[in-house]
Amino acid sequence: MEAYLQAYYDLMDDCEQFPIWKRKLEEDLGGSVSFLGIMMGEVVRDDAVEVSPAYARFDKEKQIYFK
């Protein structure tokens, strides 16, 4: 799952200069990202956030996906 999150954020970062594409990726893949995020229990997620930049970024930005 960490590799999936990292790949997603790599795509988002690559599209930073292209807001329409960034929004499209967020709309198309954001549902999958949020589903994976909610499938993790709080304890597991808290532990992962401490050791993984991808999980930490998801935890910081998760409100984007839970509209």
PDB file of N, CA and C in Angstrom:
ATOM      1  N   MET A   1       0.822  -1.191   0.000  1.00  0.00           N
ATOM      2  CA  MET A   1       0.000   0.000   0.000  1.00  0.00           C
ATOM      3  C   MET A   1       0.866   1.254   0.000  1.00  0.00           C
ATOM      4  N   GLU A   2       1.986   1.196   0.697  1.00  0.00           N
ATOM      5  CA  GLU A   2       2.863   2.359   0.726  1.00  0.00           C
ATOM      6  C   GLU A   2       3.364   2.703  -0.676  1.00  0.00           C
ATOM      7  N   ALA A   3       3.702   1.677  -1.457  1.00  0.00           N
ATOM      8  CA  ALA A   3       4.167   1.918  -2.828  1.00  0.00           C
ATOM      9  C   ALA A   3       3.063   2.556  -3.672  1.00  0.00           C
ATOM     10  N   TYR A   4       1.821   2.129  -3.466  1.00  0.00           N
ATOM     11  CA  TYR A   4       0.685   2.707  -4.182  1.00  0.00           C
ATOM     12  C   TYR A   4       0.533   4.185  -3.825  1.00  0.00           C
ATOM     13  N   LEU A   5       0.586   4.488  -2.543  1.00  0.00           N
ATOM     14  CA  LEU A   5       0.483   5.882  -2.101  1.00  0.00           C
ATOM     15  C   LEU A   5       1.627   6.719  -2.664  1.00  0.00           C
ATOM     16  N   GLN A   6       2.836   6.176  -2.626  1.00  0.00           N
ATOM     17  CA  GLN A   6       3.991   6.928  -3.129  1.00  0.00           C
ATOM     18  C   GLN A   6       3.864   7.184  -4.625  1.00  0.00           C
ATOM     19  N   ALA A   7       3.416   6.175  -5.377  1.00  0.00           N
ATOM     20  CA  ALA A   7       3.224   6.352  -6.817  1.00  0.00           C
ATOM     21  C   ALA A   7       2.166   7.421  -7.093  1.00  0.00           C
ATOM     22  N   TYR A   8       1.089   7.396  -6.322  1.00  0.00           N
ATOM     23  CA  TYR A   8       0.028   8.399  -6.477  1.00  0.00           C
ATOM     24  C   TYR A   8       0.585   9.798  -6.217  1.00  0.00           C
ATOM     25  N   TYR A   9       1.324   9.959  -5.133  1.00  0.00           N
ATOM     26  CA  TYR A   9       1.868  11.279  -4.818  1.00  0.00           C
ATOM     27  C   TYR A   9       2.946  11.707  -5.806  1.00  0.00           C
ATOM     28  N   ASP A  10       3.688  10.764  -6.353  1.00  0.00           N
ATOM     29  CA  ASP A  10       4.659  11.103  -7.403  1.00  0.00           C
ATOM     30  C   ASP A  10       3.933  11.663  -8.623  1.00  0.00           C
ATOM     31  N   LEU A  11       2.824  11.030  -9.005  1.00  0.00           N
ATOM     32  CA  LEU A  11       2.021  11.543 -10.126  1.00  0.00           C
ATOM     33  C   LEU A  11       1.476  12.934  -9.821  1.00  0.00           C
ATOM     34  N   MET A  12       0.963  13.096  -8.616  1.00  0.00           N
ATOM     35  CA  MET A  12       0.413  14.402  -8.238  1.00  0.00           C
ATOM     36  C   MET A  12       1.494  15.482  -8.272  1.00  0.00           C
ATOM     37  N   ASP A  13       2.675  15.155  -7.790  1.00  0.00           N
ATOM     38  CA  ASP A  13       3.773  16.119  -7.805  1.00  0.00           C
ATOM     39  C   ASP A  13       4.224  16.434  -9.225  1.00  0.00           C
ATOM     40  N   ASP A  14       4.233  15.420 -10.092  1.00  0.00           N
ATOM     41  CA  ASP A  14       4.605  15.637 -11.495  1.00  0.00           C
ATOM     42  C   ASP A  14       3.617  16.547 -12.206  1.00  0.00           C
ATOM     43  N   CYS A  15       2.386  16.578 -11.754  1.00  0.00           N
ATOM     44  CA  CYS A  15       1.346  17.401 -12.378  1.00  0.00           C
ATOM     45  C   CYS A  15       1.165  18.754 -11.688  1.00  0.00           C
ATOM     46  N   GLU A  16       2.063  19.100 -10.817  1.00  0.00           N
ATOM     47  CA  GLU A  16       1.933  20.345 -10.047  1.00  0.00           C
ATOM     48  C   GLU A  16       1.745  21.572 -10.953  1.00  0.00           C
ATOM     49  N   GLN A  17       2.399  21.585 -12.100  1.00  0.00           N
ATOM     50  CA  GLN A  17       2.302  22.721 -13.018  1.00  0.00           C
ATOM     51  C   GLN A  17       1.091  22.630 -13.950  1.00  0.00           C
ATOM     52  N   PHE A  18       0.332  21.545 -13.819  1.00  0.00           N
ATOM     53  CA  PHE A  18      -0.820  21.311 -14.681  1.00  0.00           C
ATOM     54  C   PHE A  18      -2.053  21.064 -13.809  1.00  0.00           C
ATOM     55  N   PRO A  19      -2.669  22.130 -13.300  1.00  0.00           N
ATOM     56  CA  PRO A  19      -3.764  21.982 -12.325  1.00  0.00           C
ATOM     57  C   PRO A  19      -4.956  21.166 -12.824  1.00  0.00           C
ATOM     58  N   ILE A  20      -5.247  21.225 -14.110  1.00  0.00           N
ATOM     59  CA  ILE A  20      -6.372  20.443 -14.628  1.00  0.00           C
ATOM     60  C   ILE A  20      -6.062  18.954 -14.536  1.00  0.00           C
ATOM     61  N   TRP A  21      -4.837  18.573 -14.914  1.00  0.00           N
ATOM     62  CA  TRP A  21      -4.444  17.167 -14.821  1.00  0.00           C
ATOM     63  C   TRP A  21      -4.359  16.712 -13.371  1.00  0.00           C
ATOM     64  N   LYS A  22      -3.867  17.592 -12.523  1.00  0.00           N
ATOM     65  CA  LYS A  22      -3.768  17.245 -11.106  1.00  0.00           C
ATOM     66  C   LYS A  22      -5.164  16.984 -10.534  1.00  0.00           C
ATOM     67  N   ARG A  23      -6.096  17.825 -10.864  1.00  0.00           N
ATOM     68  CA  ARG A  23      -7.474  17.648 -10.386  1.00  0.00           C
ATOM     69  C   ARG A  23      -8.085  16.359 -10.953  1.00  0.00           C
ATOM     70  N   LYS A  24      -7.799  16.083 -12.224  1.00  0.00           N
ATOM     71  CA  LYS A  24      -8.303  14.861 -12.858  1.00  0.00           C
ATOM     72  C   LYS A  24      -7.764  13.625 -12.139  1.00  0.00           C
ATOM     73  N   LEU A  25      -6.470  13.605 -11.844  1.00  0.00           N
ATOM     74  CA  LEU A  25      -5.893  12.482 -11.110  1.00  0.00           C
ATOM     75  C   LEU A  25      -6.521  12.350  -9.725  1.00  0.00           C
ATOM     76  N   GLU A  26      -6.709  13.482  -9.071  1.00  0.00           N
ATOM     77  CA  GLU A  26      -7.323  13.468  -7.740  1.00  0.00           C
ATOM     78  C   GLU A  26      -8.734  12.884  -7.805  1.00  0.00           C
ATOM     79  N   GLU A  27      -9.489  13.275  -8.819  1.00  0.00           N
ATOM     80  CA  GLU A  27     -10.852  12.769  -8.953  1.00  0.00           C
ATOM     81  C   GLU A  27     -10.870  11.286  -9.328  1.00  0.00           C
ATOM     82  N   ASP A  28      -9.970  10.885 -10.232  1.00  0.00           N
ATOM     83  CA  ASP A  28      -9.983   9.507 -10.726  1.00  0.00           C
ATOM     84  C   ASP A  28      -9.349   8.517  -9.754  1.00  0.00           C
ATOM     85  N   LEU A  29      -8.274   8.910  -9.113  1.00  0.00           N
ATOM     86  CA  LEU A  29      -7.554   7.989  -8.229  1.00  0.00           C
ATOM     87  C   LEU A  29      -7.785   8.257  -6.749  1.00  0.00           C
ATOM     88  N   GLY A  30      -8.285   9.421  -6.436  1.00  0.00           N
ATOM     89  CA  GLY A  30      -8.491   9.789  -5.037  1.00  0.00           C
ATOM     90  C   GLY A  30      -9.415   8.852  -4.291  1.00  0.00           C
ATOM     91  N   GLY A  31     -10.413   8.311  -4.983  1.00  0.00           N
ATOM     92  CA  GLY A  31     -11.317   7.361  -4.346  1.00  0.00           C
ATOM     93  C   GLY A  31     -10.591   6.106  -3.893  1.00  0.00           C
ATOM     94  N   SER A  32      -9.690   5.628  -4.726  1.00  0.00           N
ATOM     95  CA  SER A  32      -8.902   4.451  -4.356  1.00  0.00           C
ATOM     96  C   SER A  32      -7.978   4.758  -3.188  1.00  0.00           C
ATOM     97  N   VAL A  33      -7.373   5.924  -3.222  1.00  0.00           N
ATOM     98  CA  VAL A  33      -6.473   6.326  -2.137  1.00  0.00           C
ATOM     99  C   VAL A  33      -7.248   6.426  -0.825  1.00  0.00           C
ATOM    100  N   SER A  34      -8.397   7.054  -0.857  1.00  0.00           N
ATOM    101  CA  SER A  34      -9.173   7.199   0.371  1.00  0.00           C
ATOM    102  C   SER A  34      -9.688   5.854   0.868  1.00  0.00           C
ATOM    103  N   PHE A  35     -10.076   4.964  -0.048  1.00  0.00           N
ATOM    104  CA  PHE A  35     -10.530   3.640   0.359  1.00  0.00           C
ATOM    105  C   PHE A  35      -9.420   2.890   1.086  1.00  0.00           C
ATOM    106  N   LEU A  36      -8.229   2.928   0.521  1.00  0.00           N
ATOM    107  CA  LEU A  36      -7.099   2.260   1.177  1.00  0.00           C
ATOM    108  C   LEU A  36      -6.826   2.877   2.543  1.00  0.00           C
ATOM    109  N   GLY A  37      -6.939   4.182   2.618  1.00  0.00           N
ATOM    110  CA  GLY A  37      -6.695   4.869   3.883  1.00  0.00           C
ATOM    111  C   GLY A  37      -7.681   4.501   4.966  1.00  0.00           C
ATOM    112  N   ILE A  38      -8.953   4.376   4.609  1.00  0.00           N
ATOM    113  CA  ILE A  38      -9.940   4.053   5.635  1.00  0.00           C
ATOM    114  C   ILE A  38      -9.926   2.575   6.001  1.00  0.00           C
ATOM    115  N   MET A  39      -9.344   1.744   5.157  1.00  0.00           N
ATOM    116  CA  MET A  39      -9.259   0.323   5.461  1.00  0.00           C
ATOM    117  C   MET A  39      -8.211   0.039   6.537  1.00  0.00           C
ATOM    118  N   MET A  40      -7.327   0.985   6.756  1.00  0.00           N
ATOM    119  CA  MET A  40      -6.308   0.822   7.795  1.00  0.00           C
ATOM    120  C   MET A  40      -6.911   1.218   9.135  1.00  0.00           C
ATOM    121  N   GLY A  41      -6.628   0.483  10.152  1.00  0.00           N
ATOM    122  CA  GLY A  41      -7.062   0.865  11.487  1.00  0.00           C
ATOM    123  C   GLY A  41      -6.249   2.056  11.983  1.00  0.00           C
ATOM    124  N   GLU A  42      -6.784   2.770  12.937  1.00  0.00           N
ATOM    125  CA  GLU A  42      -6.111   3.967  13.464  1.00  0.00           C
ATOM    126  C   GLU A  42      -4.725   3.656  14.022  1.00  0.00           C
ATOM    127  N   VAL A  43      -4.596   2.561  14.755  1.00  0.00           N
ATOM    128  CA  VAL A  43      -3.309   2.220  15.352  1.00  0.00           C
ATOM    129  C   VAL A  43      -2.276   1.929  14.271  1.00  0.00           C
ATOM    130  N   VAL A  44      -2.673   1.156  13.260  1.00  0.00           N
ATOM    131  CA  VAL A  44      -1.768   0.839  12.158  1.00  0.00           C
ATOM    132  C   VAL A  44      -1.386   2.108  11.414  1.00  0.00           C
ATOM    133  N   ARG A  45      -2.373   2.958  11.162  1.00  0.00           N
ATOM    134  CA  ARG A  45      -2.101   4.200  10.435  1.00  0.00           C
ATOM    135  C   ARG A  45      -1.171   5.102  11.237  1.00  0.00           C
ATOM    136  N   ASP A  46      -1.390   5.213  12.531  1.00  0.00           N
ATOM    137  CA  ASP A  46      -0.516   6.045  13.359  1.00  0.00           C
ATOM    138  C   ASP A  46       0.920   5.553  13.316  1.00  0.00           C
ATOM    139  N   ASP A  47       1.109   4.236  13.395  1.00  0.00           N
ATOM    140  CA  ASP A  47       2.455   3.670  13.324  1.00  0.00           C
ATOM    141  C   ASP A  47       3.092   3.932  11.962  1.00  0.00           C
ATOM    142  N   ALA A  48       2.310   3.784  10.894  1.00  0.00           N
ATOM    143  CA  ALA A  48       2.825   3.989   9.544  1.00  0.00           C
ATOM    144  C   ALA A  48       3.209   5.443   9.304  1.00  0.00           C
ATOM    145  N   VAL A  49       2.434   6.366   9.840  1.00  0.00           N
ATOM    146  CA  VAL A  49       2.710   7.798   9.662  1.00  0.00           C
ATOM    147  C   VAL A  49       4.075   8.164  10.240  1.00  0.00           C
ATOM    148  N   GLU A  50       4.450   7.499  11.313  1.00  0.00           N
ATOM    149  CA  GLU A  50       5.725   7.800  11.961  1.00  0.00           C
ATOM    150  C   GLU A  50       6.925   7.392  11.116  1.00  0.00           C
ATOM    151  N   VAL A  51       6.780   6.395  10.250  1.00  0.00           N
ATOM    152  CA  VAL A  51       7.936   5.860   9.524  1.00  0.00           C
ATOM    153  C   VAL A  51       7.889   6.079   8.011  1.00  0.00           C
ATOM    154  N   SER A  52       6.781   6.542   7.484  1.00  0.00           N
ATOM    155  CA  SER A  52       6.632   6.641   6.035  1.00  0.00           C
ATOM    156  C   SER A  52       6.202   8.034   5.594  1.00  0.00           C
ATOM    157  N   PRO A  53       6.988   8.669   4.734  1.00  0.00           N
ATOM    158  CA  PRO A  53       6.579   9.979   4.206  1.00  0.00           C
ATOM    159  C   PRO A  53       5.259   9.929   3.424  1.00  0.00           C
ATOM    160  N   ALA A  54       5.017   8.832   2.702  1.00  0.00           N
ATOM    161  CA  ALA A  54       3.775   8.723   1.928  1.00  0.00           C
ATOM    162  C   ALA A  54       2.565   8.657   2.852  1.00  0.00           C
ATOM    163  N   TYR A  55       2.648   7.863   3.911  1.00  0.00           N
ATOM    164  CA  TYR A  55       1.547   7.791   4.870  1.00  0.00           C
ATOM    165  C   TYR A  55       1.372   9.118   5.608  1.00  0.00           C
ATOM    166  N   ALA A  56       2.477   9.751   5.937  1.00  0.00           N
ATOM    167  CA  ALA A  56       2.401  11.040   6.630  1.00  0.00           C
ATOM    168  C   ALA A  56       1.697  12.073   5.750  1.00  0.00           C
ATOM    169  N   ARG A  57       2.019  12.067   4.465  1.00  0.00           N
ATOM    170  CA  ARG A  57       1.376  13.016   3.550  1.00  0.00           C
ATOM    171  C   ARG A  57      -0.113  12.706   3.429  1.00  0.00           C
ATOM    172  N   PHE A  58      -0.454  11.426   3.315  1.00  0.00           N
ATOM    173  CA  PHE A  58      -1.876  11.070   3.247  1.00  0.00           C
ATOM    174  C   PHE A  58      -2.600  11.533   4.499  1.00  0.00           C
ATOM    175  N   ASP A  59      -2.000  11.303   5.651  1.00  0.00           N
ATOM    176  CA  ASP A  59      -2.636  11.692   6.912  1.00  0.00           C
ATOM    177  C   ASP A  59      -2.841  13.202   6.977  1.00  0.00           C
ATOM    178  N   LYS A  60      -1.878  13.957   6.457  1.00  0.00           N
ATOM    179  CA  LYS A  60      -1.974  15.417   6.460  1.00  0.00           C
ATOM    180  C   LYS A  60      -3.040  15.917   5.485  1.00  0.00           C
ATOM    181  N   GLU A  61      -3.169  15.238   4.340  1.00  0.00           N
ATOM    182  CA  GLU A  61      -4.060  15.714   3.279  1.00  0.00           C
ATOM    183  C   GLU A  61      -5.370  14.922   3.180  1.00  0.00           C
ATOM    184  N   LYS A  62      -5.641  14.026   4.120  1.00  0.00           N
ATOM    185  CA  LYS A  62      -6.770  13.109   3.967  1.00  0.00           C
ATOM    186  C   LYS A  62      -8.125  13.791   3.819  1.00  0.00           C
ATOM    187  N   GLN A  63      -8.297  14.992   4.305  1.00  0.00           N
ATOM    188  CA  GLN A  63      -9.579  15.660   4.168  1.00  0.00           C
ATOM    189  C   GLN A  63      -9.922  15.980   2.709  1.00  0.00           C
ATOM    190  N   ILE A  64      -8.909  16.021   1.860  1.00  0.00           N
ATOM    191  CA  ILE A  64      -9.153  16.217   0.429  1.00  0.00           C
ATOM    192  C   ILE A  64     -10.027  15.092  -0.105  1.00  0.00           C
ATOM    193  N   TYR A  65      -9.801  13.872   0.414  1.00  0.00           N
ATOM    194  CA  TYR A  65     -10.446  12.695  -0.145  1.00  0.00           C
ATOM    195  C   TYR A  65     -11.756  12.348   0.561  1.00  0.00           C
ATOM    196  N   PHE A  66     -11.989  12.909   1.726  1.00  0.00           N
ATOM    197  CA  PHE A  66     -13.206  12.582   2.475  1.00  0.00           C
ATOM    198  C   PHE A  66     -14.157  13.767   2.469  1.00  0.00           C
ATOM    199  N   LYS A  67     -14.568  14.165   1.284  1.00  0.00           N
ATOM    200  CA  LYS A  67     -15.449  15.320   1.128  1.00  0.00           C
ATOM    201  C   LYS A  67     -16.883  14.942   1.410  1.00  0.00           C
TER     202      LYS A  67
END
